[in-house]
Amino acid sequence: MNYIIETQNLTKCYGEHAAVRDVSLHVPQGAIYGLLGRNGAGKTTVMKMLLGLARPTSGSILLFGRPVKGFARDIYSRIGSSIEAPGFYPHMTAKENLTIFSRLTGKPDPSQIEQALDTVGLSSDSQKTFSQYSLGMKQRLALANALLKSPRLLILDEPANGLDPIGIAELRSLLKRLSEKEGRTILLSSHQLTEMEQLSDFTGVLHEGRLVEECSREALAQMEKKYIRLCVSAPDRALLFIRNTCSPDGPERILPDGIQPDGSIHLYGTGWKPAAINRKLLEAGFEVTELTRCAGSLEEHFKSITGGVGIA
């Protein structure tokens, strides 16, 4: 798979405090990748390191397949970003604000400014001052600023923060269009589980500075299905035994790698036979302490991988 963003053991320390620890991200080309985590999990710090705004303490970054060391202008010219609150001038119009920002990277191009405003649906409001904009319009203007120079990669920190349901739906539609129709790669952060589930092709979960999971949209959907939760002695050997001797009649899915962070095994699908699994495990000398049919829940899954804390 071709990765536009790839990091290896990315770490950022502030004194004795490690804000980000050993993060290895994999963002495929053309995908929408959601970086999910509670406030303070390290999402913004990761994005700042990717953009050259913070120097990693250790680890490596590859952007567009190239290693990044220092400020690589030719690489960063292909990236648009919105990190924290953009400093737009409240008394200036949207068009005037974008003109000022575009001067930071070269001579302003009126056609690019018009195109960016049109893409985010602000053309008809481009002569309004920033102070007249609603929160949703301000977020769209920040996205328009990120789209100047037609970047191939967008890095957006909490773009839906503060939006109402209609604003979130509009943003979701816009980002999907940028990805699916224009082939742009998008990395965005959020602490909203439902938002990530509906928008992202891939999701990475940050917890206390560590990347505790990366999974695809299909894997997330699978986690909401019914499954069997199994607590058994020697889970590694038990999982191998189950795969070899207890094949289900129907489609089966084991995520991630069958064994959860709490040591339990989750068996997804409809074809598993709990009684047969229990009997064969006992006959083989395993100790079974729990075998339960469960209804999947994304929130419960994320609680399990974050030590019971959850996301929001």
Protein backbone atom coordinates (compact mmCIF):
# COMPACT_ATOMS: atom_id res chain seq x y z
CA MET A 1 0.00 0.00 0.00
CA ASN A 2 1.24 3.49 -0.89
CA TYR A 3 1.38 5.70 2.20
CA ILE A 4 1.34 9.50 1.94
CA ILE A 5 2.16 9.78 5.65
CA GLU A 6 4.26 7.20 7.46
CA THR A 7 5.93 7.65 10.82
CA GLN A 8 8.10 5.30 12.83
CA ASN A 9 8.26 5.55 16.64
CA LEU A 10 7.53 9.29 16.56
CA THR A 11 8.14 10.78 20.01
CA LYS A 12 7.91 14.30 21.43
CA CYS A 13 9.02 15.14 24.96
CA TYR A 14 8.66 18.39 26.85
CA GLY A 15 11.16 18.09 29.65
CA GLU A 16 10.32 14.88 31.51
CA HIS A 17 6.84 14.67 29.97
CA ALA A 18 6.34 12.58 26.81
CA ALA A 19 3.41 14.15 24.96
CA VAL A 20 3.72 11.60 22.14
CA ARG A 21 5.40 8.21 22.46
CA ASP A 22 6.44 5.79 19.70
CA VAL A 23 3.65 6.69 17.27
CA SER A 24 3.80 4.79 13.96
CA LEU A 25 1.13 6.15 11.61
CA HIS A 26 0.19 4.79 8.18
CA VAL A 27 -2.01 7.08 6.06
CA PRO A 28 -2.79 5.60 2.61
CA GLN A 29 -2.90 7.74 -0.51
CA GLY A 30 -6.35 9.17 -1.28
CA ALA A 31 -7.82 8.10 2.07
CA ILE A 32 -9.52 10.03 4.84
CA TYR A 33 -7.67 9.07 8.02
CA GLY A 34 -9.19 10.05 11.35
CA LEU A 35 -6.93 10.52 14.36
CA LEU A 36 -9.22 9.84 17.29
CA GLY A 37 -8.54 10.62 20.93
CA ARG A 38 -9.55 12.56 24.00
CA ASN A 39 -8.43 16.16 24.50
CA GLY A 40 -4.77 16.02 25.51
CA ALA A 41 -4.15 12.64 23.86
CA GLY A 42 -1.44 14.11 21.61
CA LYS A 43 -3.33 14.65 18.33
CA THR A 44 -2.27 18.26 17.80
CA THR A 45 1.33 17.49 18.75
CA VAL A 46 1.50 14.73 16.13
CA MET A 47 0.13 17.09 13.47
CA LYS A 48 2.58 19.84 14.41
CA MET A 49 5.49 17.41 14.02
CA LEU A 50 4.18 16.32 10.61
CA LEU A 51 4.04 19.97 9.52
CA GLY A 52 7.46 20.91 10.84
CA LEU A 53 5.98 23.14 13.54
CA ALA A 54 7.44 21.00 16.34
CA ARG A 55 10.70 19.07 16.25
CA PRO A 56 10.42 15.37 17.14
CA THR A 57 12.51 14.19 20.07
CA SER A 58 13.03 10.91 18.23
CA GLY A 59 11.53 8.83 15.45
CA SER A 60 11.15 9.44 11.72
CA ILE A 61 8.62 10.95 9.31
CA LEU A 62 8.03 10.09 5.66
CA LEU A 63 5.76 12.36 3.59
CA PHE A 64 4.94 11.37 0.01
CA GLY A 65 7.45 8.55 0.45
CA ARG A 66 10.33 10.90 1.30
CA PRO A 67 12.08 11.26 4.66
CA VAL A 68 11.57 14.67 6.26
CA LYS A 69 14.44 16.36 8.07
CA GLY A 70 14.08 20.01 8.93
CA PHE A 71 11.82 22.23 6.83
CA ALA A 72 11.52 20.68 3.36
CA ARG A 73 9.81 23.45 1.35
CA ASP A 74 9.17 21.29 -1.71
CA ILE A 75 7.31 18.75 0.45
CA TYR A 76 5.34 21.20 2.58
CA SER A 77 4.23 23.14 -0.51
CA ARG A 78 2.04 20.10 -1.31
CA ILE A 79 0.31 20.22 2.09
CA GLY A 80 -2.58 22.38 3.26
CA SER A 81 -3.36 22.57 6.96
CA SER A 82 -5.52 24.06 9.67
CA ILE A 83 -4.02 23.70 13.14
CA GLU A 84 -5.84 25.21 16.10
CA ALA A 85 -7.70 28.50 15.46
CA PRO A 86 -6.51 30.38 12.32
CA GLY A 87 -5.68 34.03 12.99
CA PHE A 88 -8.11 35.68 10.58
CA TYR A 89 -8.65 39.43 10.85
CA PRO A 90 -12.22 40.05 12.08
CA HIS A 91 -12.66 43.39 10.25
CA MET A 92 -11.55 42.00 6.87
CA THR A 93 -13.58 40.05 4.33
CA ALA A 94 -12.99 36.39 3.59
CA LYS A 95 -11.34 37.26 0.29
CA GLU A 96 -9.07 39.84 1.93
CA ASN A 97 -8.04 37.38 4.63
CA LEU A 98 -7.16 34.68 2.09
CA THR A 99 -5.21 37.21 0.04
CA ILE A 100 -3.06 38.03 3.08
CA PHE A 101 -2.49 34.34 3.90
CA SER A 102 -1.60 33.50 0.30
CA ARG A 103 1.18 36.13 0.40
CA LEU A 104 2.96 33.99 2.98
CA THR A 105 3.71 31.38 0.30
CA GLY A 106 4.16 33.63 -2.72
CA LYS A 107 2.24 36.02 -4.93
CA PRO A 108 -1.54 35.89 -4.35
CA ASP A 109 -3.48 34.21 -7.16
CA PRO A 110 -7.04 35.60 -7.33
CA SER A 111 -8.26 32.58 -9.30
CA GLN A 112 -7.02 30.17 -6.60
CA ILE A 113 -8.70 32.24 -3.91
CA GLU A 114 -11.98 32.23 -5.84
CA GLN A 115 -11.72 28.48 -6.41
CA ALA A 116 -11.03 27.78 -2.73
CA LEU A 117 -14.02 29.87 -1.64
CA ASP A 118 -16.23 28.17 -4.22
CA THR A 119 -15.08 24.71 -3.10
CA VAL A 120 -16.17 25.35 0.49
CA GLY A 121 -19.38 27.14 -0.52
CA LEU A 122 -18.43 30.66 0.55
CA SER A 123 -18.37 32.45 -2.82
CA SER A 124 -21.63 34.27 -2.17
CA ASP A 125 -20.41 35.38 1.26
CA SER A 126 -16.85 36.31 0.31
CA GLN A 127 -17.45 40.05 0.85
CA LYS A 128 -18.69 39.60 4.41
CA THR A 129 -16.23 40.31 7.17
CA PHE A 130 -14.93 37.44 9.26
CA SER A 131 -16.76 38.82 12.31
CA GLN A 132 -20.07 38.39 10.45
CA TYR A 133 -19.48 34.69 9.86
CA SER A 134 -21.14 31.92 11.85
CA LEU A 135 -18.90 29.32 13.49
CA GLY A 136 -19.57 26.90 10.64
CA MET A 137 -18.61 29.53 8.05
CA LYS A 138 -15.42 30.31 9.99
CA GLN A 139 -14.49 26.63 9.92
CA ARG A 140 -15.13 26.52 6.17
CA LEU A 141 -12.94 29.59 5.66
CA ALA A 142 -10.15 27.82 7.55
CA LEU A 143 -10.57 24.90 5.15
CA ALA A 144 -10.52 27.29 2.17
CA ASN A 145 -7.22 28.66 3.47
CA ALA A 146 -5.86 25.11 3.65
CA LEU A 147 -6.95 24.52 0.04
CA LEU A 148 -4.95 27.43 -1.38
CA LYS A 149 -2.23 26.21 -3.76
CA SER A 150 -4.27 23.02 -4.45
CA PRO A 151 -2.49 20.74 -1.95
CA ARG A 152 -2.51 16.95 -2.36
CA LEU A 153 -2.55 16.40 1.41
CA LEU A 154 -4.77 18.13 3.97
CA ILE A 155 -3.99 18.05 7.71
CA LEU A 156 -6.94 19.36 9.73
CA ASP A 157 -7.01 19.63 13.51
CA GLU A 158 -10.56 19.24 14.91
CA PRO A 159 -12.28 20.74 11.82
CA ALA A 160 -15.76 19.91 13.18
CA ASN A 161 -15.14 21.37 16.63
CA GLY A 162 -18.11 23.48 17.73
CA LEU A 163 -20.25 22.74 14.68
CA ASP A 164 -23.94 21.89 14.94
CA PRO A 165 -25.26 18.67 13.29
CA ILE A 166 -26.01 20.47 10.01
CA GLY A 167 -22.54 22.00 9.92
CA ILE A 168 -20.95 18.61 10.63
CA ALA A 169 -22.96 17.01 7.82
CA GLU A 170 -21.89 19.76 5.39
CA LEU A 171 -18.24 19.36 6.39
CA ARG A 172 -18.47 15.58 6.01
CA SER A 173 -19.90 15.94 2.51
CA LEU A 174 -17.18 18.42 1.53
CA LEU A 175 -14.30 16.29 2.82
CA LYS A 176 -15.66 13.18 1.13
CA ARG A 177 -15.88 15.06 -2.15
CA LEU A 178 -12.28 16.28 -1.82
CA SER A 179 -11.14 12.71 -1.20
CA GLU A 180 -13.33 10.74 -3.60
CA LYS A 181 -13.65 13.19 -6.50
CA GLU A 182 -10.32 15.02 -6.33
CA GLY A 183 -8.11 12.27 -4.90
CA ARG A 184 -6.77 14.29 -1.99
CA THR A 185 -5.43 12.56 1.11
CA ILE A 186 -6.91 13.92 4.35
CA LEU A 187 -5.66 13.51 7.91
CA LEU A 188 -8.04 14.98 10.48
CA SER A 189 -8.35 14.77 14.23
CA SER A 190 -11.40 14.52 16.44
CA HIS A 191 -12.61 13.33 19.83
CA GLN A 192 -16.03 12.42 18.38
CA LEU A 193 -16.37 8.68 17.77
CA THR A 194 -19.53 8.90 15.62
CA GLU A 195 -17.97 11.53 13.39
CA MET A 196 -14.92 9.36 12.71
CA GLU A 197 -17.05 6.29 12.08
CA GLN A 198 -19.10 8.07 9.40
CA LEU A 199 -16.26 9.91 7.69
CA SER A 200 -12.96 8.06 7.92
CA ASP A 201 -11.64 5.29 5.69
CA PHE A 202 -9.06 4.52 8.37
CA THR A 203 -8.92 5.42 12.06
CA GLY A 204 -6.01 5.68 14.46
CA VAL A 205 -6.68 5.85 18.20
CA LEU A 206 -4.36 7.95 20.37
CA HIS A 207 -4.43 7.48 24.13
CA GLU A 208 -2.05 9.24 26.49
CA GLY A 209 0.36 9.93 23.65
CA ARG A 210 0.41 6.38 22.27
CA LEU A 211 -1.19 5.03 19.12
CA VAL A 212 -3.10 2.07 20.55
CA GLU A 213 -4.86 0.99 17.36
CA GLU A 214 -5.14 1.55 13.61
CA CYS A 215 -8.09 0.02 11.76
CA SER A 216 -10.11 0.34 8.56
CA ARG A 217 -13.75 1.39 8.20
CA GLU A 218 -14.60 -2.26 7.51
CA ALA A 219 -12.96 -3.27 10.78
CA LEU A 220 -14.95 -0.63 12.66
CA ALA A 221 -18.18 -1.89 11.11
CA GLN A 222 -17.25 -5.43 12.09
CA MET A 223 -16.84 -4.39 15.72
CA GLU A 224 -20.52 -3.44 15.90
CA LYS A 225 -21.63 -6.95 14.98
CA LYS A 226 -22.48 -9.72 17.41
CA TYR A 227 -19.56 -11.70 18.69
CA ILE A 228 -18.50 -14.29 21.22
CA ARG A 229 -16.35 -13.09 24.11
CA LEU A 230 -14.09 -15.82 25.44
CA CYS A 231 -11.87 -15.70 28.52
CA VAL A 232 -9.55 -18.67 28.64
CA SER A 233 -6.17 -19.70 30.01
CA ALA A 234 -3.23 -19.28 27.60
CA PRO A 235 -5.21 -17.16 25.09
CA ASP A 236 -2.48 -17.27 22.40
CA ARG A 237 -2.51 -21.08 22.31
CA ALA A 238 -6.28 -21.15 22.70
CA LEU A 239 -6.80 -18.87 19.70
CA LEU A 240 -4.58 -21.06 17.53
CA PHE A 241 -6.46 -24.14 18.76
CA ILE A 242 -9.84 -22.55 17.93
CA ARG A 243 -8.73 -21.59 14.43
CA ASN A 244 -7.51 -25.13 13.77
CA THR A 245 -10.39 -27.10 15.29
CA CYS A 246 -13.51 -24.95 15.59
CA SER A 247 -14.04 -23.43 12.14
CA PRO A 248 -17.44 -21.67 11.94
CA ASP A 249 -20.17 -22.62 9.50
CA GLY A 250 -20.63 -19.01 8.39
CA PRO A 251 -18.37 -16.01 7.83
CA GLU A 252 -15.97 -15.35 10.69
CA ARG A 253 -13.96 -12.38 11.82
CA ILE A 254 -11.44 -12.06 14.66
CA LEU A 255 -10.34 -8.50 15.53
CA PRO A 256 -7.75 -7.36 16.25
CA ASP A 257 -5.67 -10.51 15.91
CA GLY A 258 -8.31 -12.27 17.97
CA ILE A 259 -6.95 -11.20 21.36
CA GLN A 260 -8.13 -7.97 22.97
CA PRO A 261 -6.01 -5.77 25.27
CA ASP A 262 -7.79 -7.22 28.32
CA GLY A 263 -6.73 -10.75 27.29
CA SER A 264 -10.14 -11.91 26.08
CA ILE A 265 -10.76 -13.38 22.62
CA HIS A 266 -13.48 -11.94 20.38
CA LEU A 267 -14.92 -14.23 17.69
CA TYR A 268 -16.98 -12.30 15.15
CA GLY A 269 -19.54 -13.85 12.81
CA THR A 270 -22.66 -15.97 12.99
CA GLY A 271 -21.30 -19.45 12.44
CA TRP A 272 -19.50 -20.10 15.71
CA LYS A 273 -20.90 -22.82 18.01
CA PRO A 274 -20.23 -21.78 21.63
CA ALA A 275 -21.04 -25.18 23.14
CA ALA A 276 -18.64 -26.96 20.78
CA ILE A 277 -15.89 -24.39 21.41
CA ASN A 278 -16.30 -24.76 25.18
CA ARG A 279 -16.28 -28.56 25.03
CA LYS A 280 -13.20 -28.78 22.79
CA LEU A 281 -11.25 -26.27 24.88
CA LEU A 282 -12.01 -28.15 28.10
CA GLU A 283 -11.10 -31.49 26.49
CA ALA A 284 -7.78 -29.97 25.39
CA GLY A 285 -6.99 -28.88 28.95
CA PHE A 286 -7.79 -25.16 28.72
CA GLU A 287 -9.56 -23.40 31.58
CA VAL A 288 -12.57 -21.44 30.32
CA THR A 289 -13.75 -18.71 32.71
CA GLU A 290 -16.18 -16.91 30.41
CA LEU A 291 -17.95 -17.64 27.13
CA THR A 292 -20.62 -15.07 26.31
CA ARG A 293 -22.57 -13.91 23.26
CA CYS A 294 -22.29 -10.11 23.03
CA ALA A 295 -23.68 -7.28 20.92
CA GLY A 296 -20.85 -5.18 19.52
CA SER A 297 -20.35 -1.58 20.61
CA LEU A 298 -17.70 0.78 19.30
CA GLU A 299 -17.69 2.69 22.56
CA GLU A 300 -17.10 -0.50 24.53
CA HIS A 301 -14.32 -1.49 22.14
CA PHE A 302 -12.54 1.82 22.57
CA LYS A 303 -12.96 1.61 26.33
CA SER A 304 -11.24 -1.77 26.22
CA ILE A 305 -8.22 -0.44 24.32
CA THR A 306 -7.90 2.71 26.44
CA GLY A 307 -8.10 0.94 29.78
CA GLY A 308 -11.76 1.73 30.39
CA VAL A 309 -11.45 5.48 29.73
CA GLY A 310 -13.12 5.70 26.32
CA ILE A 311 -12.77 8.52 23.81
CA ALA A 312 -15.09 11.45 24.53
